[in-house]
Structure formats: structure tokens, C-alpha cells
């Protein structure tokens, strides 16, 4: 029973932390600065997390240059990060109408948007479409793998769906074939291995991810679980404490503390 609890919270936590970072924040095309502001300024504001300022800058650009596909794309990003999802979807699609060359990036972001709204079927379709256009993109393979993993373990399920789990594994492996050190894919594949009871394989992937990114929350939490399942209680406690030191969102901190309480002193 304890092992099932350790596994059961994994998908919610790992994918909740990981997928939010999955948007494309730039697109394949570049366009010159426009009156009323510059794309460079807006990109810098997005990179700094000042999404309201970015929205204001980009609205000025779009008002003066209604055919600027890049401005529409970036404005979609600003709206997405302000949780204005309907407007974000509209702007992503408009940017693709203006510049079809950015279709893979748009479909990728539409997939992330659908995932954020809990529509896994649509997310799957959007990521698959993006990969039809650009099959060599490791980020989209990762995002599709993450979507399959959530679909493999719907709410209330006792065991994962074998077909979706296999599809998830294949997408994570493809992401790693294209980008061997992609930490998110290492964590995703490790979680698949956990469900398959390949605990030592999962630990190897997670230790690699933590070695590359010592404060990566997804990797730390999953590694703490894996150590616990394998009976390495001291390592489990140390890793979960490290996870808590990264100050994760409260809901995930509570899950980690529950696991620590189960492990005992």
C-alpha cells in the first residue's frame, strides 16, 4: 500500500511541475521592430516574466502593424502566461495564418494550452500535428510523452493503461535520442520505469538528471520516491528534504512531507 501511494502521486507532481515550462517562447521567423515598441523589448519582458508589460508592448505593435506574425505569436505567449487562454489561442492561430512557417511552434503551444486546460485528447492531437511538421523536435516528443503518461493514469485508476504507457515511453525515448541530456525526458522516462517496476533503471536516469540540475524539483521528488521504493530510506529522506528546500508550491510540498512522514525518522 505504501508503494502504491509513493507511485500514485508521481504523475500529478512531476508533470504539473514540468509541463508549464513547455511553451515555445520564440518562433522560427524573425521580423523587424515595429512602431510603438520593439519585438526585442517584448521578448526581454517575456524572458523576465513581466507578462503585463509584454502584453502592453505587443498590443502597441499589433495596433500599428496588424500583419506582424511574430508580434501576434509573442502576444499569445503573454496572454497565456496571464491565464487568458482563449485570447492566447486566438493569437497563436492568427500568427500561423500570417506566417505558415511557424506552424510547428504554434501547434506545440496549442498542445500546451490544451494540456493546461485538462483537455488531454486535444493536447495529444496538437502535439502529433506539430511532430508531423517537425518530427525532429525533442521538446514536442517530450510534451507528447508527458501527455500520454497522464492519459495512462486517469483519476481513480488502479493500474496504468498499458498502451498509453508504452506510447509515453516511446516518446520520451525519442526525445532523448534527439537530445540525450534533456532532463525533463529523463524524469519522464524514469516515471514510466517506476510504473513498470524497473526501479534501478529509474534511479539511474533520475540521478543523471539531478547531477545535471541539482535543484530540479521534478527530478528530486521522483528520485526521493524511487529511493524509498528501493529501500534506500536515508537517501530518500535526504532527497525529499532537498526537494522541500527548493520551496515548491504548497500542494507538492505537502505531498513530499507526507512521504517523509511515512518514511519516519
C-alpha atoms as a PDB file:
ATOM      1  CA  UNK A   1       0.000   0.000   0.000  1.00  0.00           C
ATOM      2  CA  UNK A   2       2.819   2.379   0.811  1.00  0.00           C
ATOM      3  CA  UNK A   3       4.435   1.656  -2.554  1.00  0.00           C
ATOM      4  CA  UNK A   4       1.195   2.481  -4.365  1.00  0.00           C
ATOM      5  CA  UNK A   5       0.987   5.837  -2.598  1.00  0.00           C
ATOM      6  CA  UNK A   6       4.576   6.638  -3.471  1.00  0.00           C
ATOM      7  CA  UNK A   7       3.849   5.931  -7.117  1.00  0.00           C
ATOM      8  CA  UNK A   8       0.373   7.357  -7.194  1.00  0.00           C
ATOM      9  CA  UNK A   9       1.259  10.991  -6.591  1.00  0.00           C
ATOM     10  CA  UNK A  10       4.091  10.940  -9.109  1.00  0.00           C
ATOM     11  CA  UNK A  11       2.369  11.823 -12.342  1.00  0.00           C
ATOM     12  CA  UNK A  12       0.421  14.709 -10.832  1.00  0.00           C
ATOM     13  CA  UNK A  13       3.524  16.233  -9.310  1.00  0.00           C
ATOM     14  CA  UNK A  14       6.133  15.622 -11.981  1.00  0.00           C
ATOM     15  CA  UNK A  15       4.009  16.672 -14.907  1.00  0.00           C
ATOM     16  CA  UNK A  16       2.449  19.545 -13.028  1.00  0.00           C
ATOM     17  CA  UNK A  17       5.910  20.958 -12.442  1.00  0.00           C
ATOM     18  CA  UNK A  18       7.335  20.085 -15.821  1.00  0.00           C
ATOM     19  CA  UNK A  19       4.813  20.967 -18.489  1.00  0.00           C
ATOM     20  CA  UNK A  20       4.352  24.576 -17.542  1.00  0.00           C
ATOM     21  CA  UNK A  21       7.771  25.248 -18.993  1.00  0.00           C
ATOM     22  CA  UNK A  22       6.875  23.674 -22.304  1.00  0.00           C
ATOM     23  CA  UNK A  23       5.826  26.683 -24.381  1.00  0.00           C
ATOM     24  CA  UNK A  24       7.900  27.925 -27.265  1.00  0.00           C
ATOM     25  CA  UNK A  25       8.949  31.435 -26.282  1.00  0.00           C
ATOM     26  CA  UNK A  26      10.321  32.201 -29.722  1.00  0.00           C
ATOM     27  CA  UNK A  27       9.249  31.206 -33.187  1.00  0.00           C
ATOM     28  CA  UNK A  28      11.037  30.217 -36.399  1.00  0.00           C
ATOM     29  CA  UNK A  29      10.673  33.574 -38.102  1.00  0.00           C
ATOM     30  CA  UNK A  30      12.137  36.905 -37.115  1.00  0.00           C
ATOM     31  CA  UNK A  31      10.678  40.257 -38.064  1.00  0.00           C
ATOM     32  CA  UNK A  32      11.945  43.828 -37.716  1.00  0.00           C
ATOM     33  CA  UNK A  33      10.991  46.177 -34.942  1.00  0.00           C
ATOM     34  CA  UNK A  34       7.658  47.935 -35.333  1.00  0.00           C
ATOM     35  CA  UNK A  35       6.348  51.399 -34.417  1.00  0.00           C
ATOM     36  CA  UNK A  36       5.055  51.743 -30.862  1.00  0.00           C
ATOM     37  CA  UNK A  37       7.610  49.375 -29.376  1.00  0.00           C
ATOM     38  CA  UNK A  38      10.060  46.672 -30.402  1.00  0.00           C
ATOM     39  CA  UNK A  39       9.893  42.926 -30.561  1.00  0.00           C
ATOM     40  CA  UNK A  40      13.248  42.841 -28.778  1.00  0.00           C
ATOM     41  CA  UNK A  41      11.760  44.771 -25.858  1.00  0.00           C
ATOM     42  CA  UNK A  42       8.746  42.494 -25.707  1.00  0.00           C
ATOM     43  CA  UNK A  43      10.904  39.364 -25.819  1.00  0.00           C
ATOM     44  CA  UNK A  44      13.038  40.709 -22.988  1.00  0.00           C
ATOM     45  CA  UNK A  45       9.906  41.415 -20.937  1.00  0.00           C
ATOM     46  CA  UNK A  46       8.637  37.881 -21.564  1.00  0.00           C
ATOM     47  CA  UNK A  47      12.005  36.413 -20.600  1.00  0.00           C
ATOM     48  CA  UNK A  48      11.923  38.443 -17.379  1.00  0.00           C
ATOM     49  CA  UNK A  49       8.420  37.228 -16.550  1.00  0.00           C
ATOM     50  CA  UNK A  50       6.887  40.710 -16.840  1.00  0.00           C
ATOM     51  CA  UNK A  51       3.909  39.494 -18.848  1.00  0.00           C
ATOM     52  CA  UNK A  52       1.695  42.526 -18.312  1.00  0.00           C
ATOM     53  CA  UNK A  53       4.380  44.841 -19.665  1.00  0.00           C
ATOM     54  CA  UNK A  54       4.973  42.482 -22.585  1.00  0.00           C
ATOM     55  CA  UNK A  55       1.266  42.441 -23.348  1.00  0.00           C
ATOM     56  CA  UNK A  56       1.153  46.234 -23.388  1.00  0.00           C
ATOM     57  CA  UNK A  57       4.221  46.495 -25.642  1.00  0.00           C
ATOM     58  CA  UNK A  58       2.913  43.891 -28.068  1.00  0.00           C
ATOM     59  CA  UNK A  59      -0.570  45.378 -28.208  1.00  0.00           C
ATOM     60  CA  UNK A  60       1.035  48.618 -29.402  1.00  0.00           C
ATOM     61  CA  UNK A  61       2.955  46.737 -32.085  1.00  0.00           C
ATOM     62  CA  UNK A  62      -0.104  44.842 -33.299  1.00  0.00           C
ATOM     63  CA  UNK A  63      -2.165  48.034 -33.369  1.00  0.00           C
ATOM     64  CA  UNK A  64       0.367  49.660 -35.687  1.00  0.00           C
ATOM     65  CA  UNK A  65       1.311  46.543 -37.667  1.00  0.00           C
ATOM     66  CA  UNK A  66      -1.656  44.192 -37.939  1.00  0.00           C
ATOM     67  CA  UNK A  67       0.223  41.784 -40.245  1.00  0.00           C
ATOM     68  CA  UNK A  68       3.140  41.184 -37.870  1.00  0.00           C
ATOM     69  CA  UNK A  69       3.044  37.432 -37.241  1.00  0.00           C
ATOM     70  CA  UNK A  70       5.817  37.456 -34.649  1.00  0.00           C
ATOM     71  CA  UNK A  71       4.042  40.102 -32.581  1.00  0.00           C
ATOM     72  CA  UNK A  72       0.858  38.030 -32.620  1.00  0.00           C
ATOM     73  CA  UNK A  73       2.812  34.950 -31.548  1.00  0.00           C
ATOM     74  CA  UNK A  74       4.531  36.731 -28.670  1.00  0.00           C
ATOM     75  CA  UNK A  75       1.299  38.405 -27.613  1.00  0.00           C
ATOM     76  CA  UNK A  76      -0.238  34.927 -27.440  1.00  0.00           C
ATOM     77  CA  UNK A  77       2.548  33.952 -25.046  1.00  0.00           C
ATOM     78  CA  UNK A  78       1.860  36.967 -22.856  1.00  0.00           C
ATOM     79  CA  UNK A  79      -1.855  36.161 -22.679  1.00  0.00           C
ATOM     80  CA  UNK A  80      -1.129  32.503 -21.947  1.00  0.00           C
ATOM     81  CA  UNK A  81       1.086  33.376 -19.013  1.00  0.00           C
ATOM     82  CA  UNK A  82      -1.612  35.725 -17.720  1.00  0.00           C
ATOM     83  CA  UNK A  83      -4.028  32.754 -17.897  1.00  0.00           C
ATOM     84  CA  UNK A  84      -6.026  34.423 -20.667  1.00  0.00           C
ATOM     85  CA  UNK A  85      -6.220  31.212 -22.625  1.00  0.00           C
ATOM     86  CA  UNK A  86      -8.972  31.990 -25.142  1.00  0.00           C
ATOM     87  CA  UNK A  87      -7.135  35.088 -26.303  1.00  0.00           C
ATOM     88  CA  UNK A  88      -3.838  33.203 -26.412  1.00  0.00           C
ATOM     89  CA  UNK A  89      -5.330  30.529 -28.683  1.00  0.00           C
ATOM     90  CA  UNK A  90      -6.765  33.189 -30.986  1.00  0.00           C
ATOM     91  CA  UNK A  91      -3.409  34.947 -31.295  1.00  0.00           C
ATOM     92  CA  UNK A  92      -1.403  31.752 -31.861  1.00  0.00           C
ATOM     93  CA  UNK A  93      -3.742  30.787 -34.695  1.00  0.00           C
ATOM     94  CA  UNK A  94      -3.605  34.281 -36.180  1.00  0.00           C
ATOM     95  CA  UNK A  95       0.204  34.205 -36.171  1.00  0.00           C
ATOM     96  CA  UNK A  96       0.092  30.941 -38.136  1.00  0.00           C
ATOM     97  CA  UNK A  97      -2.346  32.443 -40.650  1.00  0.00           C
ATOM     98  CA  UNK A  98       0.071  35.306 -41.207  1.00  0.00           C
ATOM     99  CA  UNK A  99       3.157  33.057 -41.372  1.00  0.00           C
ATOM    100  CA  UNK A 100       2.541  29.320 -42.016  1.00  0.00           C
ATOM    101  CA  UNK A 101       6.251  28.598 -41.456  1.00  0.00           C
ATOM    102  CA  UNK A 102       5.693  28.857 -37.722  1.00  0.00           C
ATOM    103  CA  UNK A 103       3.043  26.111 -37.732  1.00  0.00           C
ATOM    104  CA  UNK A 104       5.042  23.566 -35.708  1.00  0.00           C
ATOM    105  CA  UNK A 105       5.671  26.068 -32.909  1.00  0.00           C
ATOM    106  CA  UNK A 106       2.024  27.150 -32.915  1.00  0.00           C
ATOM    107  CA  UNK A 107       0.674  23.601 -32.735  1.00  0.00           C
ATOM    108  CA  UNK A 108       3.156  22.841 -29.961  1.00  0.00           C
ATOM    109  CA  UNK A 109       1.912  25.800 -27.935  1.00  0.00           C
ATOM    110  CA  UNK A 110      -1.720  24.915 -28.638  1.00  0.00           C
ATOM    111  CA  UNK A 111      -0.918  21.497 -27.217  1.00  0.00           C
ATOM    112  CA  UNK A 112       0.484  23.023 -24.045  1.00  0.00           C
ATOM    113  CA  UNK A 113      -2.591  25.242 -23.801  1.00  0.00           C
ATOM    114  CA  UNK A 114      -4.933  22.242 -24.153  1.00  0.00           C
ATOM    115  CA  UNK A 115      -2.917  20.355 -21.539  1.00  0.00           C
ATOM    116  CA  UNK A 116      -3.169  23.310 -19.177  1.00  0.00           C
ATOM    117  CA  UNK A 117      -6.955  23.215 -19.564  1.00  0.00           C
ATOM    118  CA  UNK A 118      -7.050  19.463 -18.913  1.00  0.00           C
ATOM    119  CA  UNK A 119      -8.051  18.500 -22.461  1.00  0.00           C
ATOM    120  CA  UNK A 120      -5.606  15.638 -22.999  1.00  0.00           C
ATOM    121  CA  UNK A 121      -7.182  14.377 -26.220  1.00  0.00           C
ATOM    122  CA  UNK A 122      -6.767  17.772 -27.855  1.00  0.00           C
ATOM    123  CA  UNK A 123      -3.258  18.171 -26.430  1.00  0.00           C
ATOM    124  CA  UNK A 124      -2.301  14.833 -27.943  1.00  0.00           C
ATOM    125  CA  UNK A 125      -3.677  15.859 -31.335  1.00  0.00           C
ATOM    126  CA  UNK A 126      -1.890  19.221 -31.304  1.00  0.00           C
ATOM    127  CA  UNK A 127       1.472  17.676 -30.391  1.00  0.00           C
ATOM    128  CA  UNK A 128       1.042  14.971 -33.024  1.00  0.00           C
ATOM    129  CA  UNK A 129       0.327  17.636 -35.648  1.00  0.00           C
ATOM    130  CA  UNK A 130       3.413  19.579 -34.587  1.00  0.00           C
ATOM    131  CA  UNK A 131       5.517  16.435 -34.991  1.00  0.00           C
ATOM    132  CA  UNK A 132       4.102  15.756 -38.442  1.00  0.00           C
ATOM    133  CA  UNK A 133       5.556  19.125 -39.428  1.00  0.00           C
ATOM    134  CA  UNK A 134       8.792  18.856 -37.433  1.00  0.00           C
ATOM    135  CA  UNK A 135       9.469  15.254 -36.362  1.00  0.00           C
ATOM    136  CA  UNK A 136      12.948  16.093 -35.068  1.00  0.00           C
ATOM    137  CA  UNK A 137      11.866  18.374 -32.219  1.00  0.00           C
ATOM    138  CA  UNK A 138      12.765  16.799 -28.847  1.00  0.00           C
ATOM    139  CA  UNK A 139      10.605  19.247 -26.893  1.00  0.00           C
ATOM    140  CA  UNK A 140       7.418  18.184 -28.647  1.00  0.00           C
ATOM    141  CA  UNK A 141       8.294  14.497 -28.293  1.00  0.00           C
ATOM    142  CA  UNK A 142       8.732  15.140 -24.570  1.00  0.00           C
ATOM    143  CA  UNK A 143       5.427  17.009 -24.294  1.00  0.00           C
ATOM    144  CA  UNK A 144       3.576  14.259 -26.154  1.00  0.00           C
ATOM    145  CA  UNK A 145       5.183  11.669 -23.882  1.00  0.00           C
ATOM    146  CA  UNK A 146       4.062  13.624 -20.844  1.00  0.00           C
ATOM    147  CA  UNK A 147       0.525  13.802 -22.218  1.00  0.00           C
ATOM    148  CA  UNK A 148       0.442  10.056 -22.854  1.00  0.00           C
ATOM    149  CA  UNK A 149       1.694   9.465 -19.313  1.00  0.00           C
ATOM    150  CA  UNK A 150      -1.173  11.442 -17.817  1.00  0.00           C
ATOM    151  CA  UNK A 151      -3.621   9.641 -20.122  1.00  0.00           C
ATOM    152  CA  UNK A 152      -2.145   6.326 -18.977  1.00  0.00           C
ATOM    153  CA  UNK A 153      -3.106   7.016 -15.379  1.00  0.00           C
ATOM    154  CA  UNK A 154      -6.506   8.734 -15.258  1.00  0.00           C
ATOM    155  CA  UNK A 155      -8.022   9.797 -11.976  1.00  0.00           C
ATOM    156  CA  UNK A 156      -9.119   6.815  -9.942  1.00  0.00           C
ATOM    157  CA  UNK A 157      -7.203   4.237 -11.962  1.00  0.00           C
ATOM    158  CA  UNK A 158      -5.539   1.436 -10.017  1.00  0.00           C
ATOM    159  CA  UNK A 159      -3.125   0.457 -12.790  1.00  0.00           C
ATOM    160  CA  UNK A 160      -1.878   2.481 -15.772  1.00  0.00           C
ATOM    161  CA  UNK A 161      -3.205   1.886 -19.270  1.00  0.00           C
ATOM    162  CA  UNK A 162      -0.548  -0.284 -20.908  1.00  0.00           C
ATOM    163  CA  UNK A 163      -0.944   1.171 -24.405  1.00  0.00           C
ATOM    164  CA  UNK A 164      -0.651   4.787 -23.330  1.00  0.00           C
ATOM    165  CA  UNK A 165       2.252   3.905 -21.051  1.00  0.00           C
ATOM    166  CA  UNK A 166       4.094   2.283 -23.965  1.00  0.00           C
ATOM    167  CA  UNK A 167       3.421   5.331 -26.161  1.00  0.00           C
ATOM    168  CA  UNK A 168       4.712   7.579 -23.404  1.00  0.00           C
ATOM    169  CA  UNK A 169       7.886   5.517 -23.121  1.00  0.00           C
ATOM    170  CA  UNK A 170       8.454   5.678 -26.876  1.00  0.00           C
ATOM    171  CA  UNK A 171       8.088   9.467 -26.980  1.00  0.00           C
ATOM    172  CA  UNK A 172      10.453  10.031 -24.049  1.00  0.00           C
ATOM    173  CA  UNK A 173      12.993   7.727 -25.685  1.00  0.00           C
ATOM    174  CA  UNK A 174      12.660   9.632 -28.962  1.00  0.00           C
ATOM    175  CA  UNK A 175      13.200  12.917 -27.127  1.00  0.00           C
ATOM    176  CA  UNK A 176      16.380  11.508 -25.573  1.00  0.00           C
ATOM    177  CA  UNK A 177      17.581  10.149 -28.920  1.00  0.00           C
ATOM    178  CA  UNK A 178      17.332  13.694 -30.253  1.00  0.00           C
ATOM    179  CA  UNK A 179      18.643  15.395 -27.116  1.00  0.00           C
ATOM    180  CA  UNK A 180      20.467  12.922 -24.866  1.00  0.00           C
ATOM    181  CA  UNK A 181      20.734  15.260 -21.877  1.00  0.00           C
ATOM    182  CA  UNK A 182      17.160  16.542 -21.871  1.00  0.00           C
ATOM    183  CA  UNK A 183      16.454  16.434 -18.147  1.00  0.00           C
ATOM    184  CA  UNK A 184      12.660  16.571 -18.438  1.00  0.00           C
ATOM    185  CA  UNK A 185      12.667  13.497 -20.675  1.00  0.00           C
ATOM    186  CA  UNK A 186      14.974  11.669 -18.262  1.00  0.00           C
ATOM    187  CA  UNK A 187      12.469  12.299 -15.481  1.00  0.00           C
ATOM    188  CA  UNK A 188       9.520  11.344 -17.671  1.00  0.00           C
ATOM    189  CA  UNK A 189      11.102   8.053 -18.732  1.00  0.00           C
ATOM    190  CA  UNK A 190      12.089   7.343 -15.126  1.00  0.00           C
ATOM    191  CA  UNK A 191       8.448   7.663 -14.104  1.00  0.00           C
ATOM    192  CA  UNK A 192       7.464   5.180 -16.799  1.00  0.00           C
ATOM    193  CA  UNK A 193      10.086   2.811 -15.408  1.00  0.00           C
ATOM    194  CA  UNK A 194       8.653   3.266 -11.931  1.00  0.00           C
ATOM    195  CA  UNK A 195       5.248   2.122 -13.150  1.00  0.00           C
ATOM    196  CA  UNK A 196       6.947  -0.841 -14.817  1.00  0.00           C
ATOM    197  CA  UNK A 197       8.736  -1.647 -11.542  1.00  0.00           C
ATOM    198  CA  UNK A 198      12.153  -1.022 -13.122  1.00  0.00           C
ATOM    199  CA  UNK A 199      13.281   0.859 -10.054  1.00  0.00           C
ATOM    200  CA  UNK A 200      17.061   0.634 -10.543  1.00  0.00           C
ATOM    201  CA  UNK A 201      16.721   1.889 -14.131  1.00  0.00           C
ATOM    202  CA  UNK A 202      14.565   4.765 -12.913  1.00  0.00           C
ATOM    203  CA  UNK A 203      17.109   5.688 -10.251  1.00  0.00           C
ATOM    204  CA  UNK A 204      19.905   5.762 -12.819  1.00  0.00           C
ATOM    205  CA  UNK A 205      18.005   8.218 -15.025  1.00  0.00           C
ATOM    206  CA  UNK A 206      16.976  10.406 -12.100  1.00  0.00           C
ATOM    207  CA  UNK A 207      20.479  10.566 -10.658  1.00  0.00           C
ATOM    208  CA  UNK A 208      21.686  11.709 -14.079  1.00  0.00           C
ATOM    209  CA  UNK A 209      19.014  14.413 -14.169  1.00  0.00           C
ATOM    210  CA  UNK A 210      19.914  15.625 -10.662  1.00  0.00           C
ATOM    211  CA  UNK A 211      23.613  15.605 -11.498  1.00  0.00           C
ATOM    212  CA  UNK A 212      22.858  17.954 -14.396  1.00  0.00           C
ATOM    213  CA  UNK A 213      20.337  20.066 -12.476  1.00  0.00           C
ATOM    214  CA  UNK A 214      20.847  19.725  -8.698  1.00  0.00           C
ATOM    215  CA  UNK A 215      17.747  21.762  -7.816  1.00  0.00           C
ATOM    216  CA  UNK A 216      15.382  20.309 -10.431  1.00  0.00           C
ATOM    217  CA  UNK A 217      12.204  19.763  -8.442  1.00  0.00           C
ATOM    218  CA  UNK A 218      10.701  17.086 -10.686  1.00  0.00           C
ATOM    219  CA  UNK A 219      13.869  15.004 -10.561  1.00  0.00           C
ATOM    220  CA  UNK A 220      14.352  15.397  -6.814  1.00  0.00           C
ATOM    221  CA  UNK A 221      10.814  14.372  -5.937  1.00  0.00           C
ATOM    222  CA  UNK A 222      10.844  11.383  -8.273  1.00  0.00           C
ATOM    223  CA  UNK A 223      14.280  10.315  -7.049  1.00  0.00           C
ATOM    224  CA  UNK A 224      13.150  10.511  -3.426  1.00  0.00           C
ATOM    225  CA  UNK A 225      10.238   8.224  -4.251  1.00  0.00           C
ATOM    226  CA  UNK A 226      12.474   5.821  -6.158  1.00  0.00           C
ATOM    227  CA  UNK A 227      14.950   5.594  -3.285  1.00  0.00           C
ATOM    228  CA  UNK A 228      12.066   4.892  -0.895  1.00  0.00           C
ATOM    229  CA  UNK A 229      10.627   2.146  -3.083  1.00  0.00           C
ATOM    230  CA  UNK A 230      14.072   0.540  -3.361  1.00  0.00           C
ATOM    231  CA  UNK A 231      14.526   0.594   0.422  1.00  0.00           C
ATOM    232  CA  UNK A 232      17.207   3.322   0.477  1.00  0.00           C
ATOM    233  CA  UNK A 233      15.470   5.261   3.223  1.00  0.00           C
ATOM    234  CA  UNK A 234      18.323   7.588   4.223  1.00  0.00           C
ATOM    235  CA  UNK A 235      18.799   8.657   0.609  1.00  0.00           C
ATOM    236  CA  UNK A 236      15.053   9.058   0.208  1.00  0.00           C
ATOM    237  CA  UNK A 237      14.793  11.351   3.239  1.00  0.00           C
ATOM    238  CA  UNK A 238      17.824  13.399   2.173  1.00  0.00           C
ATOM    239  CA  UNK A 239      16.496  13.844  -1.368  1.00  0.00           C
ATOM    240  CA  UNK A 240      12.985  14.770  -0.301  1.00  0.00           C
ATOM    241  CA  UNK A 241      14.378  17.294   2.192  1.00  0.00           C
ATOM    242  CA  UNK A 242      16.404  18.803  -0.648  1.00  0.00           C
ATOM    243  CA  UNK A 243      13.201  18.970  -2.691  1.00  0.00           C
ATOM    244  CA  UNK A 244      11.476  20.888   0.100  1.00  0.00           C
ATOM    245  CA  UNK A 245      14.421  23.289   0.283  1.00  0.00           C
ATOM    246  CA  UNK A 246      13.648  24.342  -3.313  1.00  0.00           C
ATOM    247  CA  UNK A 247      10.382  25.796  -1.929  1.00  0.00           C
ATOM    248  CA  UNK A 248       7.952  24.047  -4.287  1.00  0.00           C
ATOM    249  CA  UNK A 249       4.281  25.051  -4.477  1.00  0.00           C
ATOM    250  CA  UNK A 250       2.388  24.186  -1.321  1.00  0.00           C
ATOM    251  CA  UNK A 251       0.396  21.284  -2.743  1.00  0.00           C
ATOM    252  CA  UNK A 252       3.592  19.494  -3.794  1.00  0.00           C
ATOM    253  CA  UNK A 253       5.397  20.364  -0.577  1.00  0.00           C
ATOM    254  CA  UNK A 254       2.542  18.697   1.304  1.00  0.00           C
ATOM    255  CA  UNK A 255       2.879  15.544  -0.802  1.00  0.00           C
ATOM    256  CA  UNK A 256       6.613  15.400  -0.130  1.00  0.00           C
ATOM    257  CA  UNK A 257       6.064  15.901   3.598  1.00  0.00           C
ATOM    258  CA  UNK A 258       3.506  13.092   3.622  1.00  0.00           C
ATOM    259  CA  UNK A 259       6.086  10.785   2.090  1.00  0.00           C
ATOM    260  CA  UNK A 260       8.668  11.858   4.664  1.00  0.00           C
ATOM    261  CA  UNK A 261       6.185  11.169   7.438  1.00  0.00           C
ATOM    262  CA  UNK A 262       5.646   7.671   6.060  1.00  0.00           C
ATOM    263  CA  UNK A 263       9.381   7.052   5.961  1.00  0.00           C
ATOM    264  CA  UNK A 264       9.806   8.020   9.610  1.00  0.00           C
ATOM    265  CA  UNK A 265      12.865   9.481  11.336  1.00  0.00           C
END
